[in-house]
Amino acid sequence: MKEPLIKTIRLKDSEAIDLKDISYELTRKNVMNGVKTIYRESDIVHFILEAKMHKIDVNDKGELIFKNGEKN
């Protein structure tokens, strides 16, 4: 039986600040365009994970890369 995954992650301070800034800017754009959708930091993390997690691999050196060759 698989153990349940931990549902929290630790972010670097800079990552948390970037997520907060991005969520603010995206929500601000929506408000300016008359859209009522508010984006939280978790919405952005979920979006990125869903879009990119299946593209993660490791290279010959054991470094994380995206399958198209971009280094993390």
PDB file of N, CA and C in Angstrom:
ATOM      1  N   MET A   1       0.840  -1.187   0.000  1.00  0.00           N
ATOM      2  CA  MET A   1       0.000   0.000   0.000  1.00  0.00           C
ATOM      3  C   MET A   1       0.885   1.251   0.000  1.00  0.00           C
ATOM      4  N   LYS A   2       0.533   2.202  -0.823  1.00  0.00           N
ATOM      5  CA  LYS A   2       1.306   3.443  -0.894  1.00  0.00           C
ATOM      6  C   LYS A   2       0.971   4.342   0.289  1.00  0.00           C
ATOM      7  N   GLU A   3       1.994   4.998   0.792  1.00  0.00           N
ATOM      8  CA  GLU A   3       1.776   5.978   1.853  1.00  0.00           C
ATOM      9  C   GLU A   3       1.284   7.274   1.224  1.00  0.00           C
ATOM     10  N   PRO A   4       0.402   7.999   1.917  1.00  0.00           N
ATOM     11  CA  PRO A   4      -0.060   9.274   1.356  1.00  0.00           C
ATOM     12  C   PRO A   4       1.086  10.274   1.270  1.00  0.00           C
ATOM     13  N   LEU A   5       1.050  11.091   0.243  1.00  0.00           N
ATOM     14  CA  LEU A   5       2.085  12.108   0.061  1.00  0.00           C
ATOM     15  C   LEU A   5       1.873  13.265   1.018  1.00  0.00           C
ATOM     16  N   ILE A   6       2.967  13.872   1.392  1.00  0.00           N
ATOM     17  CA  ILE A   6       2.894  15.093   2.181  1.00  0.00           C
ATOM     18  C   ILE A   6       2.346  16.186   1.273  1.00  0.00           C
ATOM     19  N   LYS A   7       1.421  16.981   1.769  1.00  0.00           N
ATOM     20  CA  LYS A   7       0.764  17.968   0.922  1.00  0.00           C
ATOM     21  C   LYS A   7       1.322  19.375   1.095  1.00  0.00           C
ATOM     22  N   THR A   8       2.421  19.492   1.775  1.00  0.00           N
ATOM     23  CA  THR A   8       3.048  20.804   1.907  1.00  0.00           C
ATOM     24  C   THR A   8       4.470  20.721   1.371  1.00  0.00           C
ATOM     25  N   ILE A   9       4.953  21.841   0.879  1.00  0.00           N
ATOM     26  CA  ILE A   9       6.342  21.923   0.440  1.00  0.00           C
ATOM     27  C   ILE A   9       6.960  23.173   1.048  1.00  0.00           C
ATOM     28  N   ARG A  10       8.254  23.131   1.204  1.00  0.00           N
ATOM     29  CA  ARG A  10       8.967  24.312   1.695  1.00  0.00           C
ATOM     30  C   ARG A  10       9.445  25.107   0.498  1.00  0.00           C
ATOM     31  N   LEU A  11       9.219  26.384   0.558  1.00  0.00           N
ATOM     32  CA  LEU A  11       9.666  27.280  -0.505  1.00  0.00           C
ATOM     33  C   LEU A  11      10.820  28.129  -0.005  1.00  0.00           C
ATOM     34  N   LYS A  12      11.707  28.457  -0.911  1.00  0.00           N
ATOM     35  CA  LYS A  12      12.726  29.458  -0.603  1.00  0.00           C
ATOM     36  C   LYS A  12      11.995  30.784  -0.440  1.00  0.00           C
ATOM     37  N   ASP A  13      12.580  31.687   0.331  1.00  0.00           N
ATOM     38  CA  ASP A  13      11.959  33.001   0.514  1.00  0.00           C
ATOM     39  C   ASP A  13      11.723  33.687  -0.825  1.00  0.00           C
ATOM     40  N   SER A  14      12.699  33.583  -1.715  1.00  0.00           N
ATOM     41  CA  SER A  14      12.575  34.243  -3.020  1.00  0.00           C
ATOM     42  C   SER A  14      11.439  33.633  -3.843  1.00  0.00           C
ATOM     43  N   GLU A  15      11.234  32.316  -3.729  1.00  0.00           N
ATOM     44  CA  GLU A  15      10.142  31.666  -4.458  1.00  0.00           C
ATOM     45  C   GLU A  15       8.788  32.128  -3.931  1.00  0.00           C
ATOM     46  N   ALA A  16       8.675  32.238  -2.604  1.00  0.00           N
ATOM     47  CA  ALA A  16       7.423  32.697  -2.000  1.00  0.00           C
ATOM     48  C   ALA A  16       7.108  34.127  -2.423  1.00  0.00           C
ATOM     49  N   ILE A  17       8.124  34.964  -2.456  1.00  0.00           N
ATOM     50  CA  ILE A  17       7.933  36.355  -2.879  1.00  0.00           C
ATOM     51  C   ILE A  17       7.518  36.404  -4.342  1.00  0.00           C
ATOM     52  N   ASP A  18       8.190  35.618  -5.186  1.00  0.00           N
ATOM     53  CA  ASP A  18       7.838  35.579  -6.612  1.00  0.00           C
ATOM     54  C   ASP A  18       6.401  35.115  -6.816  1.00  0.00           C
ATOM     55  N   LEU A  19       5.987  34.067  -6.103  1.00  0.00           N
ATOM     56  CA  LEU A  19       4.612  33.575  -6.230  1.00  0.00           C
ATOM     57  C   LEU A  19       3.602  34.629  -5.796  1.00  0.00           C
ATOM     58  N   LYS A  20       3.902  35.322  -4.706  1.00  0.00           N
ATOM     59  CA  LYS A  20       3.003  36.374  -4.227  1.00  0.00           C
ATOM     60  C   LYS A  20       2.891  37.489  -5.264  1.00  0.00           C
ATOM     61  N   ASP A  21       4.025  37.892  -5.828  1.00  0.00           N
ATOM     62  CA  ASP A  21       4.030  38.947  -6.843  1.00  0.00           C
ATOM     63  C   ASP A  21       3.261  38.529  -8.097  1.00  0.00           C
ATOM     64  N   ILE A  22       3.476  37.287  -8.535  1.00  0.00           N
ATOM     65  CA  ILE A  22       2.789  36.798  -9.733  1.00  0.00           C
ATOM     66  C   ILE A  22       1.287  36.715  -9.492  1.00  0.00           C
ATOM     67  N   SER A  23       0.885  36.190  -8.334  1.00  0.00           N
ATOM     68  CA  SER A  23      -0.549  36.076  -8.053  1.00  0.00           C
ATOM     69  C   SER A  23      -1.197  37.460  -7.991  1.00  0.00           C
ATOM     70  N   TYR A  24      -0.494  38.422  -7.429  1.00  0.00           N
ATOM     71  CA  TYR A  24      -1.010  39.792  -7.378  1.00  0.00           C
ATOM     72  C   TYR A  24      -1.178  40.361  -8.786  1.00  0.00           C
ATOM     73  N   GLU A  25      -0.159  40.209  -9.612  1.00  0.00           N
ATOM     74  CA  GLU A  25      -0.207  40.766 -10.970  1.00  0.00           C
ATOM     75  C   GLU A  25      -1.290  40.108 -11.821  1.00  0.00           C
ATOM     76  N   LEU A  26      -1.430  38.789 -11.721  1.00  0.00           N
ATOM     77  CA  LEU A  26      -2.462  38.098 -12.501  1.00  0.00           C
ATOM     78  C   LEU A  26      -3.860  38.503 -12.044  1.00  0.00           C
ATOM     79  N   THR A  27      -4.042  38.602 -10.739  1.00  0.00           N
ATOM     80  CA  THR A  27      -5.336  39.034 -10.208  1.00  0.00           C
ATOM     81  C   THR A  27      -5.614  40.478 -10.611  1.00  0.00           C
ATOM     82  N   ARG A  28      -4.594  41.314 -10.561  1.00  0.00           N
ATOM     83  CA  ARG A  28      -4.739  42.722 -10.961  1.00  0.00           C
ATOM     84  C   ARG A  28      -5.173  42.823 -12.422  1.00  0.00           C
ATOM     85  N   LYS A  29      -4.553  42.011 -13.302  1.00  0.00           N
ATOM     86  CA  LYS A  29      -4.944  42.004 -14.715  1.00  0.00           C
ATOM     87  C   LYS A  29      -6.402  41.601 -14.870  1.00  0.00           C
ATOM     88  N   ASN A  30      -6.807  40.590 -14.113  1.00  0.00           N
ATOM     89  CA  ASN A  30      -8.202  40.163 -14.192  1.00  0.00           C
ATOM     90  C   ASN A  30      -9.149  41.271 -13.760  1.00  0.00           C
ATOM     91  N   VAL A  31      -8.836  41.939 -12.669  1.00  0.00           N
ATOM     92  CA  VAL A  31      -9.683  43.028 -12.182  1.00  0.00           C
ATOM     93  C   VAL A  31      -9.765  44.134 -13.228  1.00  0.00           C
ATOM     94  N   MET A  32      -8.634  44.468 -13.836  1.00  0.00           N
ATOM     95  CA  MET A  32      -8.614  45.517 -14.862  1.00  0.00           C
ATOM     96  C   MET A  32      -9.444  45.130 -16.084  1.00  0.00           C
ATOM     97  N   ASN A  33      -9.553  43.816 -16.342  1.00  0.00           N
ATOM     98  CA  ASN A  33     -10.334  43.330 -17.482  1.00  0.00           C
ATOM     99  C   ASN A  33     -11.757  42.948 -17.098  1.00  0.00           C
ATOM    100  N   GLY A  34     -12.149  43.258 -15.867  1.00  0.00           N
ATOM    101  CA  GLY A  34     -13.507  42.971 -15.430  1.00  0.00           C
ATOM    102  C   GLY A  34     -13.768  41.514 -15.087  1.00  0.00           C
ATOM    103  N   VAL A  35     -12.714  40.740 -14.910  1.00  0.00           N
ATOM    104  CA  VAL A  35     -12.852  39.323 -14.555  1.00  0.00           C
ATOM    105  C   VAL A  35     -12.689  39.192 -13.044  1.00  0.00           C
ATOM    106  N   LYS A  36     -13.579  38.435 -12.420  1.00  0.00           N
ATOM    107  CA  LYS A  36     -13.578  38.350 -10.960  1.00  0.00           C
ATOM    108  C   LYS A  36     -12.697  37.243 -10.393  1.00  0.00           C
ATOM    109  N   THR A  37     -11.992  36.503 -11.236  1.00  0.00           N
ATOM    110  CA  THR A  37     -11.144  35.411 -10.759  1.00  0.00           C
ATOM    111  C   THR A  37      -9.943  35.960  -9.998  1.00  0.00           C
ATOM    112  N   ILE A  38      -9.748  35.444  -8.791  1.00  0.00           N
ATOM    113  CA  ILE A  38      -8.606  35.813  -7.962  1.00  0.00           C
ATOM    114  C   ILE A  38      -7.661  34.623  -7.923  1.00  0.00           C
ATOM    115  N   TYR A  39      -6.387  34.856  -8.222  1.00  0.00           N
ATOM    116  CA  TYR A  39      -5.400  33.784  -8.208  1.00  0.00           C
ATOM    117  C   TYR A  39      -4.600  33.809  -6.918  1.00  0.00           C
ATOM    118  N   ARG A  40      -4.605  32.681  -6.226  1.00  0.00           N
ATOM    119  CA  ARG A  40      -3.780  32.519  -5.023  1.00  0.00           C
ATOM    120  C   ARG A  40      -2.452  31.907  -5.449  1.00  0.00           C
ATOM    121  N   GLU A  41      -1.493  31.960  -4.558  1.00  0.00           N
ATOM    122  CA  GLU A  41      -0.190  31.374  -4.838  1.00  0.00           C
ATOM    123  C   GLU A  41      -0.325  29.886  -5.160  1.00  0.00           C
ATOM    124  N   SER A  42      -1.208  29.198  -4.444  1.00  0.00           N
ATOM    125  CA  SER A  42      -1.395  27.760  -4.672  1.00  0.00           C
ATOM    126  C   SER A  42      -1.955  27.477  -6.059  1.00  0.00           C
ATOM    127  N   ASP A  43      -2.778  28.375  -6.599  1.00  0.00           N
ATOM    128  CA  ASP A  43      -3.299  28.197  -7.960  1.00  0.00           C
ATOM    129  C   ASP A  43      -2.154  28.167  -8.970  1.00  0.00           C
ATOM    130  N   ILE A  44      -1.183  29.030  -8.765  1.00  0.00           N
ATOM    131  CA  ILE A  44      -0.040  29.111  -9.679  1.00  0.00           C
ATOM    132  C   ILE A  44       0.823  27.856  -9.557  1.00  0.00           C
ATOM    133  N   VAL A  45       1.061  27.410  -8.332  1.00  0.00           N
ATOM    134  CA  VAL A  45       1.858  26.199  -8.121  1.00  0.00           C
ATOM    135  C   VAL A  45       1.178  25.000  -8.777  1.00  0.00           C
ATOM    136  N   HIS A  46      -0.133  24.853  -8.586  1.00  0.00           N
ATOM    137  CA  HIS A  46      -0.864  23.740  -9.206  1.00  0.00           C
ATOM    138  C   HIS A  46      -0.786  23.813 -10.727  1.00  0.00           C
ATOM    139  N   PHE A  47      -0.924  25.001 -11.280  1.00  0.00           N
ATOM    140  CA  PHE A  47      -0.857  25.180 -12.730  1.00  0.00           C
ATOM    141  C   PHE A  47       0.504  24.744 -13.269  1.00  0.00           C
ATOM    142  N   ILE A  48       1.561  25.187 -12.607  1.00  0.00           N
ATOM    143  CA  ILE A  48       2.914  24.834 -13.044  1.00  0.00           C
ATOM    144  C   ILE A  48       3.149  23.333 -12.921  1.00  0.00           C
ATOM    145  N   LEU A  49       2.751  22.751 -11.798  1.00  0.00           N
ATOM    146  CA  LEU A  49       2.938  21.311 -11.609  1.00  0.00           C
ATOM    147  C   LEU A  49       2.211  20.508 -12.677  1.00  0.00           C
ATOM    148  N   GLU A  50       0.953  20.855 -12.925  1.00  0.00           N
ATOM    149  CA  GLU A  50       0.177  20.119 -13.923  1.00  0.00           C
ATOM    150  C   GLU A  50       0.770  20.262 -15.320  1.00  0.00           C
ATOM    151  N   ALA A  51       1.314  21.424 -15.618  1.00  0.00           N
ATOM    152  CA  ALA A  51       1.845  21.674 -16.960  1.00  0.00           C
ATOM    153  C   ALA A  51       3.244  21.101 -17.170  1.00  0.00           C
ATOM    154  N   LYS A  52       4.036  21.024 -16.119  1.00  0.00           N
ATOM    155  CA  LYS A  52       5.460  20.711 -16.293  1.00  0.00           C
ATOM    156  C   LYS A  52       5.952  19.435 -15.619  1.00  0.00           C
ATOM    157  N   MET A  53       5.227  18.861 -14.663  1.00  0.00           N
ATOM    158  CA  MET A  53       5.817  17.767 -13.895  1.00  0.00           C
ATOM    159  C   MET A  53       6.105  16.522 -14.717  1.00  0.00           C
ATOM    160  N   HIS A  54       5.388  16.307 -15.804  1.00  0.00           N
ATOM    161  CA  HIS A  54       5.648  15.137 -16.639  1.00  0.00           C
ATOM    162  C   HIS A  54       6.784  15.382 -17.631  1.00  0.00           C
ATOM    163  N   LYS A  55       7.358  16.567 -17.594  1.00  0.00           N
ATOM    164  CA  LYS A  55       8.464  16.902 -18.487  1.00  0.00           C
ATOM    165  C   LYS A  55       9.802  16.918 -17.746  1.00  0.00           C
ATOM    166  N   ILE A  56       9.805  16.480 -16.484  1.00  0.00           N
ATOM    167  CA  ILE A  56      11.024  16.496 -15.674  1.00  0.00           C
ATOM    168  C   ILE A  56      11.763  15.175 -15.841  1.00  0.00           C
ATOM    169  N   ASP A  57      13.071  15.273 -15.959  1.00  0.00           N
ATOM    170  CA  ASP A  57      13.926  14.097 -16.123  1.00  0.00           C
ATOM    171  C   ASP A  57      15.261  14.401 -15.449  1.00  0.00           C
ATOM    172  N   VAL A  58      16.187  13.477 -15.517  1.00  0.00           N
ATOM    173  CA  VAL A  58      17.549  13.715 -15.043  1.00  0.00           C
ATOM    174  C   VAL A  58      18.514  13.468 -16.191  1.00  0.00           C
ATOM    175  N   ASN A  59      19.595  14.238 -16.201  1.00  0.00           N
ATOM    176  CA  ASN A  59      20.612  14.028 -17.232  1.00  0.00           C
ATOM    177  C   ASN A  59      21.639  13.009 -16.745  1.00  0.00           C
ATOM    178  N   ASP A  60      22.683  12.801 -17.522  1.00  0.00           N
ATOM    179  CA  ASP A  60      23.714  11.814 -17.182  1.00  0.00           C
ATOM    180  C   ASP A  60      24.458  12.151 -15.892  1.00  0.00           C
ATOM    181  N   LYS A  61      24.435  13.419 -15.500  1.00  0.00           N
ATOM    182  CA  LYS A  61      25.108  13.853 -14.275  1.00  0.00           C
ATOM    183  C   LYS A  61      24.185  13.792 -13.060  1.00  0.00           C
ATOM    184  N   GLY A  62      22.924  13.392 -13.267  1.00  0.00           N
ATOM    185  CA  GLY A  62      21.965  13.315 -12.173  1.00  0.00           C
ATOM    186  C   GLY A  62      21.282  14.626 -11.859  1.00  0.00           C
ATOM    187  N   GLU A  63      21.442  15.626 -12.739  1.00  0.00           N
ATOM    188  CA  GLU A  63      20.822  16.933 -12.529  1.00  0.00           C
ATOM    189  C   GLU A  63      19.403  16.928 -13.084  1.00  0.00           C
ATOM    190  N   LEU A  64      18.518  17.659 -12.409  1.00  0.00           N
ATOM    191  CA  LEU A  64      17.154  17.792 -12.904  1.00  0.00           C
ATOM    192  C   LEU A  64      17.136  18.639 -14.166  1.00  0.00           C
ATOM    193  N   ILE A  65      16.414  18.168 -15.162  1.00  0.00           N
ATOM    194  CA  ILE A  65      16.251  18.900 -16.419  1.00  0.00           C
ATOM    195  C   ILE A  65      14.815  18.729 -16.897  1.00  0.00           C
ATOM    196  N   PHE A  66      14.407  19.590 -17.811  1.00  0.00           N
ATOM    197  CA  PHE A  66      13.162  19.359 -18.529  1.00  0.00           C
ATOM    198  C   PHE A  66      13.511  18.509 -19.738  1.00  0.00           C
ATOM    199  N   LYS A  67      12.621  17.646 -20.141  1.00  0.00           N
ATOM    200  CA  LYS A  67      12.905  16.684 -21.206  1.00  0.00           C
ATOM    201  C   LYS A  67      13.342  17.332 -22.508  1.00  0.00           C
ATOM    202  N   ASN A  68      13.018  18.602 -22.718  1.00  0.00           N
ATOM    203  CA  ASN A  68      13.486  19.276 -23.927  1.00  0.00           C
ATOM    204  C   ASN A  68      14.927  19.754 -23.790  1.00  0.00           C
ATOM    205  N   GLY A  69      15.572  19.423 -22.661  1.00  0.00           N
ATOM    206  CA  GLY A  69      16.980  19.734 -22.481  1.00  0.00           C
ATOM    207  C   GLY A  69      17.283  20.938 -21.621  1.00  0.00           C
ATOM    208  N   GLU A  70      16.264  21.701 -21.224  1.00  0.00           N
ATOM    209  CA  GLU A  70      16.510  22.868 -20.388  1.00  0.00           C
ATOM    210  C   GLU A  70      16.908  22.426 -18.988  1.00  0.00           C
ATOM    211  N   LYS A  71      17.938  23.056 -18.446  1.00  0.00           N
ATOM    212  CA  LYS A  71      18.368  22.755 -17.081  1.00  0.00           C
ATOM    213  C   LYS A  71      17.472  23.503 -16.113  1.00  0.00           C
ATOM    214  N   ASN A  72      17.173  22.886 -14.971  1.00  0.00           N
ATOM    215  CA  ASN A  72      16.328  23.499 -13.951  1.00  0.00           C
ATOM    216  C   ASN A  72      16.998  24.710 -13.362  1.00  0.00           C
TER     217      ASN A  72
END
